[in-house]
Amino acid sequence: MPEPKIAAQAAQDEETQDHAFLGREFLTWLLWRTERGEGTFKDEDGEFTVAFGGRARLQGVGSDVTDAVLKGRSPAYGIEVRAALGAGRTLREAELRLARGDREFQFTILAETLDLKSVKLPGRLTDEEDDRLTERMTLLEELENKIKAMYLEFIKERTRPVWTRSVVPALRSWVVEGLAVHDEAR
């Protein structure tokens, strides 16, 4: 009989795995939107914009190249990402920039869990030592709320019938069009 701790961990891993595809779809949907000029979102603080940064990691299933890390100036907007998506690979993590007014956050988001790493917060508003921790926590909470707002917008769209009728075909066309434009440029 398995130990309860091991069984609980296995159940948690299974649950995470069951819903991990939503994070991958979220990153693809977000890339599609930002590339179309629709990278503006709203939350309780007002509008903010999001853009992809200098790193993206894609992963495939059962192919020779299972992991590809692209680096450079906005590599997510390059032909390599569309080609990888067209070949069945998925975005597994991406560096993003999120801006509202003069505040800019930079971070890497992991698709499977929506965990953040390499977070760079906007410059401090105060130099008081006592307030630094409070301010950092407030900025992290603000970033978390903005990611939630984007994800909720994705989930609302993902759960509506328009997803399969309009969005999925538009995403497929976007991948194909990007590849066709690249072929015409040769």
C-alpha atoms as a PDB file:
ATOM      1  CA  MET A   1       0.000   0.000   0.000  1.00  0.00           C
ATOM      2  CA  PRO A   2       1.513   3.396  -0.974  1.00  0.00           C
ATOM      3  CA  GLU A   3       2.318   5.857   1.724  1.00  0.00           C
ATOM      4  CA  PRO A   4      -0.313   8.623   2.056  1.00  0.00           C
ATOM      5  CA  LYS A   5       2.301  11.302   1.398  1.00  0.00           C
ATOM      6  CA  ILE A   6       3.380   9.651  -1.864  1.00  0.00           C
ATOM      7  CA  ALA A   7      -0.211   9.055  -2.958  1.00  0.00           C
ATOM      8  CA  ALA A   8      -1.121  12.665  -2.179  1.00  0.00           C
ATOM      9  CA  GLN A   9       1.849  13.921  -4.209  1.00  0.00           C
ATOM     10  CA  ALA A  10       0.909  11.651  -7.122  1.00  0.00           C
ATOM     11  CA  ALA A  11      -2.679  12.948  -7.022  1.00  0.00           C
ATOM     12  CA  GLN A  12      -1.427  16.531  -6.951  1.00  0.00           C
ATOM     13  CA  ASP A  13       0.928  15.875  -9.894  1.00  0.00           C
ATOM     14  CA  GLU A  14      -1.910  14.252 -11.834  1.00  0.00           C
ATOM     15  CA  GLU A  15      -4.214  17.205 -11.170  1.00  0.00           C
ATOM     16  CA  THR A  16      -1.518  19.672 -12.242  1.00  0.00           C
ATOM     17  CA  GLN A  17      -0.859  17.645 -15.380  1.00  0.00           C
ATOM     18  CA  ASP A  18      -4.573  17.466 -16.228  1.00  0.00           C
ATOM     19  CA  HIS A  19      -4.844  21.243 -16.338  1.00  0.00           C
ATOM     20  CA  ALA A  20      -1.349  22.081 -17.585  1.00  0.00           C
ATOM     21  CA  PHE A  21      -2.598  22.333 -21.177  1.00  0.00           C
ATOM     22  CA  LEU A  22      -4.562  25.446 -20.192  1.00  0.00           C
ATOM     23  CA  GLY A  23      -1.355  27.270 -19.294  1.00  0.00           C
ATOM     24  CA  ARG A  24       0.200  26.318 -22.625  1.00  0.00           C
ATOM     25  CA  GLU A  25      -2.923  27.437 -24.479  1.00  0.00           C
ATOM     26  CA  PHE A  26      -2.924  30.648 -22.422  1.00  0.00           C
ATOM     27  CA  LEU A  27       0.624  31.528 -23.506  1.00  0.00           C
ATOM     28  CA  THR A  28      -0.175  30.774 -27.158  1.00  0.00           C
ATOM     29  CA  TRP A  29      -3.368  32.819 -26.988  1.00  0.00           C
ATOM     30  CA  LEU A  30      -1.463  35.666 -25.309  1.00  0.00           C
ATOM     31  CA  LEU A  31       1.229  35.607 -27.999  1.00  0.00           C
ATOM     32  CA  TRP A  32      -1.419  35.622 -30.727  1.00  0.00           C
ATOM     33  CA  ARG A  33      -3.190  38.581 -29.129  1.00  0.00           C
ATOM     34  CA  THR A  34      -0.060  40.631 -28.559  1.00  0.00           C
ATOM     35  CA  GLU A  35       1.194  40.033 -32.072  1.00  0.00           C
ATOM     36  CA  ARG A  36      -2.151  41.262 -33.420  1.00  0.00           C
ATOM     37  CA  GLY A  37      -1.801  44.455 -31.372  1.00  0.00           C
ATOM     38  CA  GLU A  38      -4.298  43.317 -28.715  1.00  0.00           C
ATOM     39  CA  GLY A  39      -1.939  43.237 -25.762  1.00  0.00           C
ATOM     40  CA  THR A  40      -3.973  45.672 -23.651  1.00  0.00           C
ATOM     41  CA  PHE A  41      -5.970  44.323 -20.721  1.00  0.00           C
ATOM     42  CA  LYS A  42      -7.956  45.807 -17.839  1.00  0.00           C
ATOM     43  CA  ASP A  43      -8.061  45.161 -14.128  1.00  0.00           C
ATOM     44  CA  GLU A  44      -9.310  47.135 -11.123  1.00  0.00           C
ATOM     45  CA  ASP A  45      -6.376  49.574 -11.496  1.00  0.00           C
ATOM     46  CA  GLY A  46      -7.092  50.361 -15.141  1.00  0.00           C
ATOM     47  CA  GLU A  47      -5.441  49.353 -18.399  1.00  0.00           C
ATOM     48  CA  PHE A  48      -2.066  47.685 -18.758  1.00  0.00           C
ATOM     49  CA  THR A  49      -0.176  46.195 -21.676  1.00  0.00           C
ATOM     50  CA  VAL A  50       1.787  42.999 -22.041  1.00  0.00           C
ATOM     51  CA  ALA A  51       4.471  42.019 -24.553  1.00  0.00           C
ATOM     52  CA  PHE A  52       6.799  39.081 -24.972  1.00  0.00           C
ATOM     53  CA  GLY A  53      10.443  39.626 -24.056  1.00  0.00           C
ATOM     54  CA  GLY A  54      13.814  38.128 -24.924  1.00  0.00           C
ATOM     55  CA  ARG A  55      13.307  34.419 -24.190  1.00  0.00           C
ATOM     56  CA  ALA A  56      10.816  31.698 -25.064  1.00  0.00           C
ATOM     57  CA  ARG A  57      10.968  27.935 -24.498  1.00  0.00           C
ATOM     58  CA  LEU A  58       8.986  25.486 -26.587  1.00  0.00           C
ATOM     59  CA  GLN A  59       8.620  21.779 -26.067  1.00  0.00           C
ATOM     60  CA  GLY A  60       7.464  19.043 -28.375  1.00  0.00           C
ATOM     61  CA  VAL A  61       6.163  15.563 -27.917  1.00  0.00           C
ATOM     62  CA  GLY A  62       7.996  12.516 -29.243  1.00  0.00           C
ATOM     63  CA  SER A  63      10.267  14.258 -31.730  1.00  0.00           C
ATOM     64  CA  ASP A  64      14.022  14.562 -32.117  1.00  0.00           C
ATOM     65  CA  VAL A  65      14.040  18.091 -30.755  1.00  0.00           C
ATOM     66  CA  THR A  66      11.949  18.087 -27.627  1.00  0.00           C
ATOM     67  CA  ASP A  67      13.052  21.396 -26.131  1.00  0.00           C
ATOM     68  CA  ALA A  68      13.947  24.611 -27.946  1.00  0.00           C
ATOM     69  CA  VAL A  69      14.978  27.800 -26.177  1.00  0.00           C
ATOM     70  CA  LEU A  70      14.885  30.930 -28.294  1.00  0.00           C
ATOM     71  CA  LYS A  71      16.692  34.047 -27.149  1.00  0.00           C
ATOM     72  CA  GLY A  72      17.119  37.455 -28.677  1.00  0.00           C
ATOM     73  CA  ARG A  73      15.076  40.530 -29.281  1.00  0.00           C
ATOM     74  CA  SER A  74      11.458  39.329 -28.899  1.00  0.00           C
ATOM     75  CA  PRO A  75      12.048  35.811 -30.250  1.00  0.00           C
ATOM     76  CA  ALA A  76       8.440  34.795 -29.568  1.00  0.00           C
ATOM     77  CA  TYR A  77       7.379  36.978 -32.490  1.00  0.00           C
ATOM     78  CA  GLY A  78       9.758  35.218 -34.890  1.00  0.00           C
ATOM     79  CA  ILE A  79       9.047  32.654 -37.550  1.00  0.00           C
ATOM     80  CA  GLU A  80      10.718  29.954 -35.452  1.00  0.00           C
ATOM     81  CA  VAL A  81       7.928  30.053 -32.882  1.00  0.00           C
ATOM     82  CA  ARG A  82       5.195  29.788 -35.486  1.00  0.00           C
ATOM     83  CA  ALA A  83       7.041  26.945 -37.169  1.00  0.00           C
ATOM     84  CA  ALA A  84       7.394  25.174 -33.819  1.00  0.00           C
ATOM     85  CA  LEU A  85       3.709  25.700 -33.030  1.00  0.00           C
ATOM     86  CA  GLY A  86       2.800  24.426 -36.490  1.00  0.00           C
ATOM     87  CA  ALA A  87       4.927  21.338 -35.844  1.00  0.00           C
ATOM     88  CA  GLY A  88       3.016  20.579 -32.650  1.00  0.00           C
ATOM     89  CA  ARG A  89       5.347  22.129 -30.075  1.00  0.00           C
ATOM     90  CA  THR A  90       3.901  24.265 -27.308  1.00  0.00           C
ATOM     91  CA  LEU A  91       5.079  27.317 -25.407  1.00  0.00           C
ATOM     92  CA  ARG A  92       6.279  26.107 -22.018  1.00  0.00           C
ATOM     93  CA  GLU A  93       7.724  29.344 -20.672  1.00  0.00           C
ATOM     94  CA  ALA A  94       8.153  32.878 -21.856  1.00  0.00           C
ATOM     95  CA  GLU A  95       9.657  36.107 -20.704  1.00  0.00           C
ATOM     96  CA  LEU A  96       7.034  38.841 -20.551  1.00  0.00           C
ATOM     97  CA  ARG A  97       6.996  42.583 -20.004  1.00  0.00           C
ATOM     98  CA  LEU A  98       3.941  44.086 -18.379  1.00  0.00           C
ATOM     99  CA  ALA A  99       3.520  47.862 -18.227  1.00  0.00           C
ATOM    100  CA  ARG A 100       1.031  50.239 -16.683  1.00  0.00           C
ATOM    101  CA  GLY A 101       1.911  53.894 -16.897  1.00  0.00           C
ATOM    102  CA  ASP A 102       5.573  54.280 -15.998  1.00  0.00           C
ATOM    103  CA  ARG A 103       5.691  50.943 -14.129  1.00  0.00           C
ATOM    104  CA  GLU A 104       7.165  47.981 -15.951  1.00  0.00           C
ATOM    105  CA  PHE A 105       7.445  44.427 -14.682  1.00  0.00           C
ATOM    106  CA  GLN A 106       9.647  41.822 -16.346  1.00  0.00           C
ATOM    107  CA  PHE A 107       9.263  38.154 -15.527  1.00  0.00           C
ATOM    108  CA  THR A 108       9.298  34.633 -16.871  1.00  0.00           C
ATOM    109  CA  ILE A 109       6.081  32.646 -16.616  1.00  0.00           C
ATOM    110  CA  LEU A 110       5.949  28.846 -16.628  1.00  0.00           C
ATOM    111  CA  ALA A 111       2.981  27.548 -18.613  1.00  0.00           C
ATOM    112  CA  GLU A 112       2.183  24.397 -16.630  1.00  0.00           C
ATOM    113  CA  THR A 113       1.801  26.120 -13.263  1.00  0.00           C
ATOM    114  CA  LEU A 114       1.750  29.847 -14.106  1.00  0.00           C
ATOM    115  CA  ASP A 115       4.607  30.193 -11.624  1.00  0.00           C
ATOM    116  CA  LEU A 116       6.881  33.181 -12.026  1.00  0.00           C
ATOM    117  CA  LYS A 117      10.648  33.356 -11.995  1.00  0.00           C
ATOM    118  CA  SER A 118      13.266  36.018 -12.667  1.00  0.00           C
ATOM    119  CA  VAL A 119      10.830  38.749 -11.624  1.00  0.00           C
ATOM    120  CA  LYS A 120      12.100  42.308 -12.030  1.00  0.00           C
ATOM    121  CA  LEU A 121       9.896  44.818 -10.280  1.00  0.00           C
ATOM    122  CA  PRO A 122       9.579  48.502 -11.179  1.00  0.00           C
ATOM    123  CA  GLY A 123      11.914  50.914  -9.424  1.00  0.00           C
ATOM    124  CA  ARG A 124      11.153  51.631  -5.810  1.00  0.00           C
ATOM    125  CA  LEU A 125       8.948  54.580  -4.979  1.00  0.00           C
ATOM    126  CA  THR A 126      10.513  55.101  -1.574  1.00  0.00           C
ATOM    127  CA  ASP A 127      14.013  54.841  -0.163  1.00  0.00           C
ATOM    128  CA  GLU A 128      12.846  54.247   3.380  1.00  0.00           C
ATOM    129  CA  GLU A 129      14.237  50.915   4.591  1.00  0.00           C
ATOM    130  CA  ASP A 130      11.071  50.071   6.563  1.00  0.00           C
ATOM    131  CA  ASP A 131       8.868  50.504   3.531  1.00  0.00           C
ATOM    132  CA  ARG A 132      10.998  48.517   1.042  1.00  0.00           C
ATOM    133  CA  LEU A 133       9.609  45.101   1.938  1.00  0.00           C
ATOM    134  CA  THR A 134       6.039  46.374   2.059  1.00  0.00           C
ATOM    135  CA  GLU A 135       6.475  48.058  -1.298  1.00  0.00           C
ATOM    136  CA  ARG A 136       7.974  44.934  -2.895  1.00  0.00           C
ATOM    137  CA  MET A 137       5.113  42.814  -1.574  1.00  0.00           C
ATOM    138  CA  THR A 138       2.595  45.343  -2.906  1.00  0.00           C
ATOM    139  CA  LEU A 139       4.264  45.300  -6.340  1.00  0.00           C
ATOM    140  CA  LEU A 140       4.272  41.486  -6.413  1.00  0.00           C
ATOM    141  CA  GLU A 141       0.593  41.473  -5.506  1.00  0.00           C
ATOM    142  CA  GLU A 142      -0.087  43.990  -8.274  1.00  0.00           C
ATOM    143  CA  LEU A 143       1.732  41.780 -10.780  1.00  0.00           C
ATOM    144  CA  GLU A 144      -0.169  38.702  -9.605  1.00  0.00           C
ATOM    145  CA  ASN A 145      -3.494  40.552 -10.008  1.00  0.00           C
ATOM    146  CA  LYS A 146      -2.617  41.561 -13.561  1.00  0.00           C
ATOM    147  CA  ILE A 147      -1.695  38.009 -14.511  1.00  0.00           C
ATOM    148  CA  LYS A 148      -4.983  36.829 -12.993  1.00  0.00           C
ATOM    149  CA  ALA A 149      -6.885  39.419 -15.047  1.00  0.00           C
ATOM    150  CA  MET A 150      -5.267  38.185 -18.270  1.00  0.00           C
ATOM    151  CA  TYR A 151      -5.829  34.545 -17.388  1.00  0.00           C
ATOM    152  CA  LEU A 152      -9.471  35.150 -16.462  1.00  0.00           C
ATOM    153  CA  GLU A 153     -10.047  36.865 -19.807  1.00  0.00           C
ATOM    154  CA  PHE A 154      -8.488  33.837 -21.506  1.00  0.00           C
ATOM    155  CA  ILE A 155     -10.650  31.390 -19.506  1.00  0.00           C
ATOM    156  CA  LYS A 156     -13.824  33.358 -20.296  1.00  0.00           C
ATOM    157  CA  GLU A 157     -13.019  33.189 -23.988  1.00  0.00           C
ATOM    158  CA  ARG A 158     -11.830  29.563 -23.757  1.00  0.00           C
ATOM    159  CA  THR A 159     -15.090  28.380 -22.203  1.00  0.00           C
ATOM    160  CA  ARG A 160     -17.384  30.092 -24.685  1.00  0.00           C
ATOM    161  CA  PRO A 161     -18.598  28.357 -27.876  1.00  0.00           C
ATOM    162  CA  VAL A 162     -16.774  31.014 -29.916  1.00  0.00           C
ATOM    163  CA  TRP A 163     -13.483  29.326 -28.925  1.00  0.00           C
ATOM    164  CA  THR A 164     -13.903  26.342 -31.235  1.00  0.00           C
ATOM    165  CA  ARG A 165     -15.850  28.224 -33.911  1.00  0.00           C
ATOM    166  CA  SER A 166     -13.666  31.316 -34.238  1.00  0.00           C
ATOM    167  CA  VAL A 167     -10.588  31.470 -32.035  1.00  0.00           C
ATOM    168  CA  VAL A 168      -9.036  28.077 -32.792  1.00  0.00           C
ATOM    169  CA  PRO A 169      -9.393  28.555 -36.585  1.00  0.00           C
ATOM    170  CA  ALA A 170      -7.962  32.083 -36.230  1.00  0.00           C
ATOM    171  CA  LEU A 171      -4.995  30.736 -34.267  1.00  0.00           C
ATOM    172  CA  ARG A 172      -4.367  28.085 -36.917  1.00  0.00           C
ATOM    173  CA  SER A 173      -4.575  30.688 -39.684  1.00  0.00           C
ATOM    174  CA  TRP A 174      -2.160  32.916 -37.775  1.00  0.00           C
ATOM    175  CA  VAL A 175       0.403  30.101 -37.620  1.00  0.00           C
ATOM    176  CA  VAL A 176      -0.029  29.250 -41.320  1.00  0.00           C
ATOM    177  CA  GLU A 177       0.026  32.914 -42.427  1.00  0.00           C
ATOM    178  CA  GLY A 178       3.246  33.510 -40.526  1.00  0.00           C
ATOM    179  CA  LEU A 179       4.869  30.580 -42.260  1.00  0.00           C
ATOM    180  CA  ALA A 180       3.548  31.681 -45.679  1.00  0.00           C
ATOM    181  CA  VAL A 181       4.861  35.229 -45.234  1.00  0.00           C
ATOM    182  CA  HIS A 182       8.265  33.797 -44.405  1.00  0.00           C
ATOM    183  CA  ASP A 183       8.214  31.579 -47.521  1.00  0.00           C
ATOM    184  CA  GLU A 184       7.274  34.546 -49.746  1.00  0.00           C
ATOM    185  CA  ALA A 185      10.184  36.574 -48.357  1.00  0.00           C
ATOM    186  CA  ARG A 186      12.705  33.950 -49.595  1.00  0.00           C
END
